[in-house]
Each structure stands twice: as C-alpha cells, then as structure tokens.
Amino acid sequence: MSWAKDDPRLTADTFTSLTDEWDWHTPLRTDYERRQALVELDVLASMALGITLDELIDIYRLTFTVLSGYEDDTWYDANGRIVFSKKNYGDLTFKRPDFEKIKNAPAGKVFTRTIMDDTQPGGPRERTIEYVAPFDKCDRVEDYKTVWKFFTQKYGDNK
C-alpha cells in the first residue's frame, strides 16, 4: 500500500507502520494527509459504485461548490499544515492580510504564530505553531485524475 500521489508532504511509511492499536502515531497526522485520504476515498467509492472519472468530477464541481470554493483558496505549507484558508480556522491559520505578506516566501523560510490553545485537557495553554514555506494550493480535479490513474493502473480499468 502507498499513497496514490507522490508528494513530500505524504509520509511514505503511513501504511507500513499500521498496527492493531490506535494511538498518537497512527497515520494522517497532517491536514495534507487527511485531505489526500479523502480524495483517494472519493475515487475508490466512485469506482466501487461504477461512477466514471468524468462523473466524479462533475459531481464535485456541480454539487460541492462550497467545498470547491474553500479548496480553491486553502494553502498548505511544506509540512502539510494549512497556513491559510478562506474557511475560518480561527487562530490556527494566518488571516488573509498577514498571509498575503508571506505567501511567496522562499522555500525553507519559517514563520511562527503563538496562540492560546484550549483544545487539550487541562485548560488553555500557550502554543507556538510553525509554518514552513513554500506555500501552495491543491487542485482536487487534478488530484482525482492522478489518483484515478494510479488505481486503474494498479487494480485494473473501471470504465
């Protein structure tokens, strides 16, 4: 097993390190990995239901316009963390004016934000989030095509 897309933000040992126990080290620890898993599940479900690639793309474009709008303006860093999104992630991401200032930063440049995190037991605590350039967006339609090709080559053609 492997990811259907080559990208340095996708951990190569995601599938080889699986165990029967669910713990902190269980895969899909980054926003980028979780997004890629959803793309791959969309393709696998479509194939299982006999939906063609073109039909899947049409469904995405025509039915999931809000998702499409968010995804078209969600930016990931080199480590797979969402650095900015049109969708409101609160203090976990930069706001648009601040992101516009750093959007074209050179690879390897690190930006930090310190926030109050109230998501863990024990109450609020200060946490510093690190974002590493370069920053880029995903294209779900292109990713559907890449994943579809991967699965048809690996497991046979489906329509």
N, C-alpha and C. Protein backbone atom coordinates (compact mmCIF):
# COMPACT_ATOMS: atom_id res chain seq x y z
N MET A 1 0.83 -1.18 0.00
CA MET A 1 0.00 0.00 0.00
C MET A 1 0.88 1.25 0.00
N SER A 2 0.39 2.25 -0.70
CA SER A 2 1.09 3.53 -0.74
C SER A 2 0.09 4.61 -1.13
N TRP A 3 0.52 5.84 -0.96
CA TRP A 3 -0.30 6.94 -1.44
C TRP A 3 -0.37 6.87 -2.96
N ALA A 4 -1.45 7.38 -3.53
CA ALA A 4 -1.64 7.37 -4.98
C ALA A 4 -0.99 8.57 -5.63
N LYS A 5 -0.37 9.43 -4.85
CA LYS A 5 0.25 10.66 -5.35
C LYS A 5 1.61 10.80 -4.70
N ASP A 6 2.59 11.18 -5.48
CA ASP A 6 3.92 11.46 -4.93
C ASP A 6 3.98 12.91 -4.47
N ASP A 7 4.25 13.10 -3.19
CA ASP A 7 4.37 14.44 -2.64
C ASP A 7 5.16 14.31 -1.34
N PRO A 8 6.15 15.16 -1.13
CA PRO A 8 6.96 15.04 0.09
C PRO A 8 6.16 15.23 1.38
N ARG A 9 4.97 15.82 1.29
CA ARG A 9 4.14 16.01 2.49
C ARG A 9 3.37 14.75 2.88
N LEU A 10 3.41 13.74 2.02
CA LEU A 10 2.73 12.48 2.30
C LEU A 10 3.75 11.49 2.85
N THR A 11 3.60 11.12 4.09
CA THR A 11 4.55 10.25 4.78
C THR A 11 4.60 8.88 4.11
N ALA A 12 5.78 8.49 3.70
CA ALA A 12 5.96 7.24 2.97
C ALA A 12 5.60 6.01 3.80
N ASP A 13 5.83 6.06 5.10
CA ASP A 13 5.56 4.88 5.94
C ASP A 13 4.16 4.88 6.55
N THR A 14 3.28 5.71 6.03
CA THR A 14 1.92 5.78 6.57
C THR A 14 1.27 4.42 6.65
N PHE A 15 1.40 3.64 5.61
CA PHE A 15 0.70 2.36 5.56
C PHE A 15 1.51 1.21 6.16
N THR A 16 2.83 1.29 6.10
CA THR A 16 3.66 0.21 6.64
C THR A 16 3.74 0.23 8.15
N SER A 17 3.42 1.36 8.76
CA SER A 17 3.52 1.47 10.22
C SER A 17 2.19 1.19 10.93
N LEU A 18 1.17 0.77 10.20
CA LEU A 18 -0.12 0.49 10.82
C LEU A 18 -0.05 -0.69 11.78
N THR A 19 -0.74 -0.56 12.90
CA THR A 19 -0.86 -1.66 13.86
C THR A 19 -2.32 -1.81 14.25
N ASP A 20 -2.63 -2.80 15.07
CA ASP A 20 -3.99 -3.01 15.54
C ASP A 20 -4.41 -1.98 16.58
N GLU A 21 -3.45 -1.31 17.17
CA GLU A 21 -3.72 -0.32 18.21
C GLU A 21 -3.75 1.10 17.63
N TRP A 22 -4.76 1.87 18.00
CA TRP A 22 -4.87 3.26 17.58
C TRP A 22 -4.19 4.12 18.64
N ASP A 23 -3.18 4.89 18.24
CA ASP A 23 -2.50 5.77 19.18
C ASP A 23 -2.07 7.04 18.48
N TRP A 24 -1.29 7.84 19.18
CA TRP A 24 -0.86 9.14 18.67
C TRP A 24 -0.11 9.03 17.35
N HIS A 25 0.56 7.93 17.14
CA HIS A 25 1.38 7.77 15.94
C HIS A 25 0.61 7.18 14.77
N THR A 26 -0.68 6.91 14.97
CA THR A 26 -1.49 6.40 13.88
C THR A 26 -1.51 7.45 12.76
N PRO A 27 -1.53 7.02 11.52
CA PRO A 27 -1.38 7.93 10.38
C PRO A 27 -2.39 9.08 10.30
N LEU A 28 -2.15 9.88 9.28
CA LEU A 28 -2.97 11.05 8.94
C LEU A 28 -2.87 12.14 10.00
N ARG A 29 -1.65 12.47 10.35
CA ARG A 29 -1.40 13.47 11.37
C ARG A 29 -1.40 14.89 10.82
N THR A 30 -1.40 15.07 9.49
CA THR A 30 -1.37 16.43 8.94
C THR A 30 -2.63 16.72 8.14
N ASP A 31 -2.90 18.00 7.98
CA ASP A 31 -4.05 18.43 7.17
C ASP A 31 -3.93 17.90 5.75
N TYR A 32 -2.73 17.93 5.20
CA TYR A 32 -2.50 17.50 3.82
C TYR A 32 -2.76 16.00 3.67
N GLU A 33 -2.28 15.19 4.62
CA GLU A 33 -2.54 13.75 4.56
C GLU A 33 -4.03 13.44 4.66
N ARG A 34 -4.73 14.14 5.54
CA ARG A 34 -6.18 13.91 5.69
C ARG A 34 -6.91 14.29 4.41
N ARG A 35 -6.51 15.39 3.77
CA ARG A 35 -7.13 15.78 2.50
C ARG A 35 -6.87 14.73 1.43
N GLN A 36 -5.63 14.27 1.33
CA GLN A 36 -5.31 13.26 0.32
C GLN A 36 -6.10 11.97 0.56
N ALA A 37 -6.25 11.58 1.80
CA ALA A 37 -7.04 10.38 2.10
C ALA A 37 -8.48 10.55 1.63
N LEU A 38 -9.06 11.73 1.81
CA LEU A 38 -10.42 11.98 1.35
C LEU A 38 -10.52 11.90 -0.17
N VAL A 39 -9.52 12.44 -0.87
CA VAL A 39 -9.51 12.37 -2.33
C VAL A 39 -9.45 10.91 -2.78
N GLU A 40 -8.59 10.13 -2.16
CA GLU A 40 -8.46 8.73 -2.54
C GLU A 40 -9.73 7.94 -2.21
N LEU A 41 -10.36 8.26 -1.10
CA LEU A 41 -11.63 7.59 -0.77
C LEU A 41 -12.73 7.97 -1.76
N ASP A 42 -12.77 9.23 -2.19
CA ASP A 42 -13.74 9.65 -3.21
C ASP A 42 -13.58 8.79 -4.47
N VAL A 43 -12.34 8.61 -4.91
CA VAL A 43 -12.08 7.85 -6.13
C VAL A 43 -12.44 6.38 -5.93
N LEU A 44 -12.02 5.79 -4.83
CA LEU A 44 -12.33 4.37 -4.58
C LEU A 44 -13.83 4.13 -4.48
N ALA A 45 -14.54 5.03 -3.80
CA ALA A 45 -16.00 4.88 -3.69
C ALA A 45 -16.65 5.01 -5.06
N SER A 46 -16.18 5.95 -5.85
CA SER A 46 -16.72 6.14 -7.20
C SER A 46 -16.51 4.89 -8.04
N MET A 47 -15.32 4.35 -7.98
CA MET A 47 -15.03 3.13 -8.74
C MET A 47 -15.93 1.98 -8.28
N ALA A 48 -16.12 1.84 -6.99
CA ALA A 48 -16.95 0.77 -6.45
C ALA A 48 -18.41 0.92 -6.87
N LEU A 49 -18.85 2.16 -7.03
CA LEU A 49 -20.24 2.43 -7.42
C LEU A 49 -20.43 2.49 -8.93
N GLY A 50 -19.36 2.34 -9.69
CA GLY A 50 -19.46 2.38 -11.15
C GLY A 50 -19.57 3.78 -11.71
N ILE A 51 -19.14 4.76 -10.93
CA ILE A 51 -19.14 6.15 -11.38
C ILE A 51 -17.84 6.39 -12.14
N THR A 52 -17.92 7.02 -13.30
CA THR A 52 -16.72 7.30 -14.08
C THR A 52 -15.97 8.50 -13.51
N LEU A 53 -14.73 8.67 -13.95
CA LEU A 53 -13.94 9.82 -13.52
C LEU A 53 -14.63 11.12 -13.91
N ASP A 54 -15.14 11.20 -15.13
CA ASP A 54 -15.82 12.42 -15.56
C ASP A 54 -17.05 12.70 -14.71
N GLU A 55 -17.78 11.66 -14.35
CA GLU A 55 -18.96 11.84 -13.49
C GLU A 55 -18.55 12.31 -12.10
N LEU A 56 -17.46 11.74 -11.56
CA LEU A 56 -16.97 12.18 -10.25
C LEU A 56 -16.60 13.66 -10.28
N ILE A 57 -15.91 14.07 -11.32
CA ILE A 57 -15.52 15.48 -11.45
C ILE A 57 -16.76 16.37 -11.57
N ASP A 58 -17.74 15.93 -12.35
CA ASP A 58 -18.99 16.70 -12.46
C ASP A 58 -19.70 16.81 -11.12
N ILE A 59 -19.75 15.71 -10.39
CA ILE A 59 -20.39 15.72 -9.06
C ILE A 59 -19.69 16.73 -8.16
N TYR A 60 -18.37 16.70 -8.15
CA TYR A 60 -17.60 17.63 -7.33
C TYR A 60 -17.87 19.07 -7.73
N ARG A 61 -17.80 19.36 -9.01
CA ARG A 61 -17.96 20.74 -9.48
C ARG A 61 -19.39 21.27 -9.31
N LEU A 62 -20.39 20.41 -9.53
CA LEU A 62 -21.78 20.86 -9.51
C LEU A 62 -22.46 20.75 -8.15
N THR A 63 -22.05 19.79 -7.35
CA THR A 63 -22.74 19.53 -6.09
C THR A 63 -22.00 20.10 -4.89
N PHE A 64 -20.69 20.14 -4.97
CA PHE A 64 -19.90 20.56 -3.82
C PHE A 64 -19.23 21.90 -4.08
N THR A 65 -20.04 22.89 -4.42
CA THR A 65 -19.50 24.21 -4.77
C THR A 65 -18.87 24.91 -3.56
N VAL A 66 -19.41 24.70 -2.37
CA VAL A 66 -18.83 25.33 -1.18
C VAL A 66 -17.46 24.72 -0.90
N LEU A 67 -17.38 23.39 -0.93
CA LEU A 67 -16.09 22.72 -0.75
C LEU A 67 -15.10 23.19 -1.79
N SER A 68 -15.53 23.27 -3.03
CA SER A 68 -14.67 23.72 -4.11
C SER A 68 -14.16 25.14 -3.84
N GLY A 69 -15.04 26.00 -3.39
CA GLY A 69 -14.65 27.37 -3.08
C GLY A 69 -13.61 27.45 -1.98
N TYR A 70 -13.79 26.64 -0.93
CA TYR A 70 -12.80 26.61 0.15
C TYR A 70 -11.48 26.05 -0.35
N GLU A 71 -11.55 24.93 -1.08
CA GLU A 71 -10.34 24.26 -1.51
C GLU A 71 -9.53 25.13 -2.48
N ASP A 72 -10.20 25.91 -3.29
CA ASP A 72 -9.51 26.78 -4.24
C ASP A 72 -8.69 27.88 -3.56
N ASP A 73 -8.95 28.12 -2.26
CA ASP A 73 -8.23 29.16 -1.53
C ASP A 73 -7.74 28.64 -0.18
N THR A 74 -7.28 27.39 -0.17
CA THR A 74 -6.64 26.82 1.02
C THR A 74 -5.19 26.52 0.65
N TRP A 75 -4.30 27.03 1.46
CA TRP A 75 -2.86 26.94 1.19
C TRP A 75 -2.18 26.09 2.26
N TYR A 76 -1.29 25.21 1.81
CA TYR A 76 -0.57 24.30 2.70
C TYR A 76 0.90 24.68 2.73
N ASP A 77 1.54 24.39 3.87
CA ASP A 77 2.98 24.64 3.94
C ASP A 77 3.76 23.37 3.56
N ALA A 78 5.06 23.44 3.65
CA ALA A 78 5.92 22.32 3.24
C ALA A 78 5.74 21.09 4.10
N ASN A 79 5.17 21.26 5.29
CA ASN A 79 4.95 20.13 6.20
C ASN A 79 3.51 19.62 6.19
N GLY A 80 2.68 20.20 5.35
CA GLY A 80 1.30 19.73 5.24
C GLY A 80 0.32 20.42 6.16
N ARG A 81 0.71 21.49 6.78
CA ARG A 81 -0.18 22.24 7.68
C ARG A 81 -0.91 23.32 6.86
N ILE A 82 -2.18 23.52 7.14
CA ILE A 82 -2.91 24.62 6.49
C ILE A 82 -2.40 25.93 7.08
N VAL A 83 -1.88 26.79 6.20
CA VAL A 83 -1.34 28.07 6.64
C VAL A 83 -2.36 29.18 6.45
N PHE A 84 -3.21 29.04 5.43
CA PHE A 84 -4.31 29.99 5.21
C PHE A 84 -5.44 29.28 4.49
N SER A 85 -6.67 29.67 4.84
CA SER A 85 -7.83 29.17 4.13
C SER A 85 -8.94 30.20 4.18
N LYS A 86 -9.69 30.23 3.09
CA LYS A 86 -10.89 31.06 3.06
C LYS A 86 -11.87 30.58 4.13
N LYS A 87 -11.84 29.28 4.41
CA LYS A 87 -12.64 28.72 5.50
C LYS A 87 -12.01 29.21 6.80
N ASN A 88 -12.82 29.55 7.76
CA ASN A 88 -12.30 30.12 9.01
C ASN A 88 -11.81 29.02 9.94
N TYR A 89 -10.51 28.97 10.16
CA TYR A 89 -9.91 28.04 11.11
C TYR A 89 -9.49 28.76 12.39
N GLY A 90 -10.05 29.93 12.63
CA GLY A 90 -9.73 30.68 13.83
C GLY A 90 -8.27 31.07 13.89
N ASP A 91 -7.68 30.90 15.06
CA ASP A 91 -6.29 31.29 15.27
C ASP A 91 -5.28 30.29 14.72
N LEU A 92 -5.74 29.17 14.18
CA LEU A 92 -4.82 28.14 13.70
C LEU A 92 -4.14 28.51 12.39
N THR A 93 -4.68 29.49 11.69
CA THR A 93 -4.08 29.90 10.42
C THR A 93 -3.91 31.42 10.40
N PHE A 94 -3.12 31.88 9.44
CA PHE A 94 -2.95 33.32 9.25
C PHE A 94 -4.24 33.91 8.67
N LYS A 95 -4.49 35.15 8.97
CA LYS A 95 -5.57 35.90 8.32
C LYS A 95 -5.05 36.35 6.96
N ARG A 96 -5.96 36.63 6.01
CA ARG A 96 -5.55 36.95 4.65
C ARG A 96 -4.50 38.07 4.55
N PRO A 97 -4.67 39.22 5.21
CA PRO A 97 -3.65 40.28 5.05
C PRO A 97 -2.25 39.83 5.47
N ASP A 98 -2.17 39.06 6.56
CA ASP A 98 -0.87 38.57 7.01
C ASP A 98 -0.32 37.50 6.07
N PHE A 99 -1.21 36.64 5.57
CA PHE A 99 -0.76 35.60 4.65
C PHE A 99 -0.26 36.19 3.34
N GLU A 100 -0.92 37.22 2.84
CA GLU A 100 -0.50 37.84 1.58
C GLU A 100 0.94 38.36 1.68
N LYS A 101 1.36 38.75 2.87
CA LYS A 101 2.72 39.27 3.06
C LYS A 101 3.77 38.16 2.99
N ILE A 102 3.39 36.92 3.31
CA ILE A 102 4.37 35.83 3.36
C ILE A 102 4.16 34.78 2.27
N LYS A 103 3.09 34.91 1.51
CA LYS A 103 2.68 33.88 0.55
C LYS A 103 3.79 33.43 -0.39
N ASN A 104 4.63 34.32 -0.84
CA ASN A 104 5.67 33.99 -1.81
C ASN A 104 7.05 33.85 -1.19
N ALA A 105 7.10 33.51 0.07
CA ALA A 105 8.37 33.36 0.78
C ALA A 105 9.20 32.23 0.16
N PRO A 106 10.50 32.34 0.23
CA PRO A 106 11.36 31.29 -0.33
C PRO A 106 11.27 30.00 0.48
N ALA A 107 11.54 28.89 -0.19
CA ALA A 107 11.49 27.58 0.45
C ALA A 107 12.38 27.55 1.68
N GLY A 108 11.86 26.97 2.74
CA GLY A 108 12.61 26.84 3.97
C GLY A 108 12.41 27.95 4.98
N LYS A 109 11.88 29.08 4.54
CA LYS A 109 11.63 30.20 5.45
C LYS A 109 10.54 29.78 6.44
N VAL A 110 10.78 30.03 7.72
CA VAL A 110 9.87 29.60 8.78
C VAL A 110 9.14 30.81 9.36
N PHE A 111 7.85 30.63 9.56
CA PHE A 111 7.02 31.66 10.18
C PHE A 111 6.34 31.02 11.39
N THR A 112 6.24 31.78 12.48
CA THR A 112 5.60 31.23 13.68
C THR A 112 4.46 32.14 14.14
N ARG A 113 3.51 31.50 14.81
CA ARG A 113 2.40 32.22 15.44
C ARG A 113 2.21 31.60 16.81
N THR A 114 2.00 32.42 17.81
CA THR A 114 1.72 31.93 19.15
C THR A 114 0.26 32.19 19.45
N ILE A 115 -0.42 31.13 19.87
CA ILE A 115 -1.86 31.22 20.13
C ILE A 115 -2.16 30.65 21.52
N MET A 116 -3.37 30.91 22.01
CA MET A 116 -3.87 30.24 23.21
C MET A 116 -4.68 29.05 22.74
N ASP A 117 -4.26 27.86 23.12
CA ASP A 117 -4.89 26.61 22.70
C ASP A 117 -5.74 26.08 23.84
N ASP A 118 -7.03 25.95 23.62
CA ASP A 118 -7.94 25.42 24.64
C ASP A 118 -8.57 24.12 24.15
N THR A 119 -7.81 23.34 23.40
CA THR A 119 -8.36 22.10 22.84
C THR A 119 -7.90 20.86 23.59
N GLN A 120 -6.99 21.01 24.53
CA GLN A 120 -6.46 19.86 25.26
C GLN A 120 -6.95 19.88 26.70
N PRO A 121 -6.96 18.70 27.35
CA PRO A 121 -7.32 18.66 28.77
C PRO A 121 -6.40 19.56 29.59
N GLY A 122 -6.92 20.13 30.63
CA GLY A 122 -6.11 20.99 31.49
C GLY A 122 -6.27 22.46 31.23
N GLY A 123 -7.13 22.80 30.30
CA GLY A 123 -7.40 24.21 30.05
C GLY A 123 -6.47 24.86 29.06
N PRO A 124 -6.63 26.15 28.86
CA PRO A 124 -5.85 26.87 27.85
C PRO A 124 -4.35 26.85 28.17
N ARG A 125 -3.57 26.76 27.08
CA ARG A 125 -2.13 26.87 27.21
C ARG A 125 -1.59 27.56 25.96
N GLU A 126 -0.51 28.25 26.13
CA GLU A 126 0.11 28.93 25.00
C GLU A 126 0.81 27.90 24.12
N ARG A 127 0.64 28.05 22.81
CA ARG A 127 1.24 27.12 21.86
C ARG A 127 1.77 27.91 20.66
N THR A 128 2.94 27.54 20.20
CA THR A 128 3.53 28.18 19.03
C THR A 128 3.39 27.24 17.84
N ILE A 129 2.86 27.75 16.75
CA ILE A 129 2.67 26.98 15.52
C ILE A 129 3.72 27.45 14.52
N GLU A 130 4.34 26.50 13.85
CA GLU A 130 5.39 26.80 12.88
C GLU A 130 4.91 26.43 11.48
N TYR A 131 5.07 27.35 10.55
CA TYR A 131 4.73 27.14 9.15
C TYR A 131 6.01 27.29 8.32
N VAL A 132 6.22 26.37 7.38
CA VAL A 132 7.45 26.37 6.59
C VAL A 132 7.10 26.57 5.11
N ALA A 133 7.69 27.61 4.50
CA ALA A 133 7.49 27.86 3.08
C ALA A 133 8.21 26.78 2.28
N PRO A 134 7.80 26.52 1.05
CA PRO A 134 6.82 27.25 0.25
C PRO A 134 5.39 26.86 0.59
N PHE A 135 4.48 27.73 0.17
CA PHE A 135 3.06 27.52 0.38
C PHE A 135 2.39 27.29 -0.97
N ASP A 136 1.48 26.32 -1.03
CA ASP A 136 0.77 26.08 -2.28
C ASP A 136 -0.63 25.56 -2.03
N LYS A 137 -1.41 25.58 -3.10
CA LYS A 137 -2.80 25.11 -3.06
C LYS A 137 -2.88 23.76 -3.77
N CYS A 138 -3.97 23.07 -3.52
CA CYS A 138 -4.24 21.80 -4.19
C CYS A 138 -5.29 22.02 -5.27
N ASP A 139 -5.32 21.11 -6.21
CA ASP A 139 -6.33 21.11 -7.27
C ASP A 139 -7.02 19.75 -7.20
N ARG A 140 -8.23 19.71 -6.63
CA ARG A 140 -8.91 18.45 -6.40
C ARG A 140 -9.18 17.70 -7.71
N VAL A 141 -9.55 18.41 -8.76
CA VAL A 141 -9.84 17.75 -10.03
C VAL A 141 -8.58 17.07 -10.56
N GLU A 142 -7.46 17.77 -10.54
CA GLU A 142 -6.20 17.15 -10.99
C GLU A 142 -5.81 15.99 -10.08
N ASP A 143 -6.05 16.14 -8.78
CA ASP A 143 -5.75 15.05 -7.86
C ASP A 143 -6.66 13.85 -8.12
N TYR A 144 -7.93 14.09 -8.44
CA TYR A 144 -8.82 12.98 -8.81
C TYR A 144 -8.24 12.23 -10.02
N LYS A 145 -7.78 12.97 -11.01
CA LYS A 145 -7.22 12.34 -12.22
C LYS A 145 -5.98 11.52 -11.88
N THR A 146 -5.10 12.07 -11.06
CA THR A 146 -3.88 11.37 -10.66
C THR A 146 -4.21 10.09 -9.90
N VAL A 147 -5.11 10.19 -8.95
CA VAL A 147 -5.48 9.05 -8.13
C VAL A 147 -6.21 8.00 -8.96
N TRP A 148 -7.09 8.45 -9.84
CA TRP A 148 -7.82 7.52 -10.71
C TRP A 148 -6.84 6.70 -11.56
N LYS A 149 -5.87 7.41 -12.14
CA LYS A 149 -4.87 6.73 -12.97
C LYS A 149 -4.07 5.72 -12.14
N PHE A 150 -3.69 6.11 -10.93
CA PHE A 150 -2.94 5.21 -10.05
C PHE A 150 -3.72 3.93 -9.77
N PHE A 151 -4.98 4.08 -9.39
CA PHE A 151 -5.78 2.89 -9.05
C PHE A 151 -6.12 2.05 -10.27
N THR A 152 -6.35 2.66 -11.42
CA THR A 152 -6.65 1.85 -12.60
C THR A 152 -5.39 1.11 -13.06
N GLN A 153 -4.25 1.72 -12.94
CA GLN A 153 -3.01 1.03 -13.30
C GLN A 153 -2.69 -0.10 -12.32
N LYS A 154 -3.02 0.12 -11.05
CA LYS A 154 -2.70 -0.86 -10.02
C LYS A 154 -3.71 -2.01 -9.97
N TYR A 155 -4.98 -1.69 -10.16
CA TYR A 155 -6.03 -2.68 -9.94
C TYR A 155 -6.88 -2.97 -11.17
N GLY A 156 -6.61 -2.33 -12.27
CA GLY A 156 -7.39 -2.57 -13.49
C GLY A 156 -8.32 -1.43 -13.79
N ASP A 157 -8.74 -1.39 -15.06
CA ASP A 157 -9.58 -0.30 -15.54
C ASP A 157 -11.01 -0.39 -15.02
N ASN A 158 -11.62 0.75 -14.81
CA ASN A 158 -13.01 0.86 -14.39
C ASN A 158 -13.64 1.93 -15.26
N LYS A 159 -14.29 1.55 -16.30
CA LYS A 159 -14.96 2.46 -17.24
C LYS A 159 -13.96 3.41 -17.85
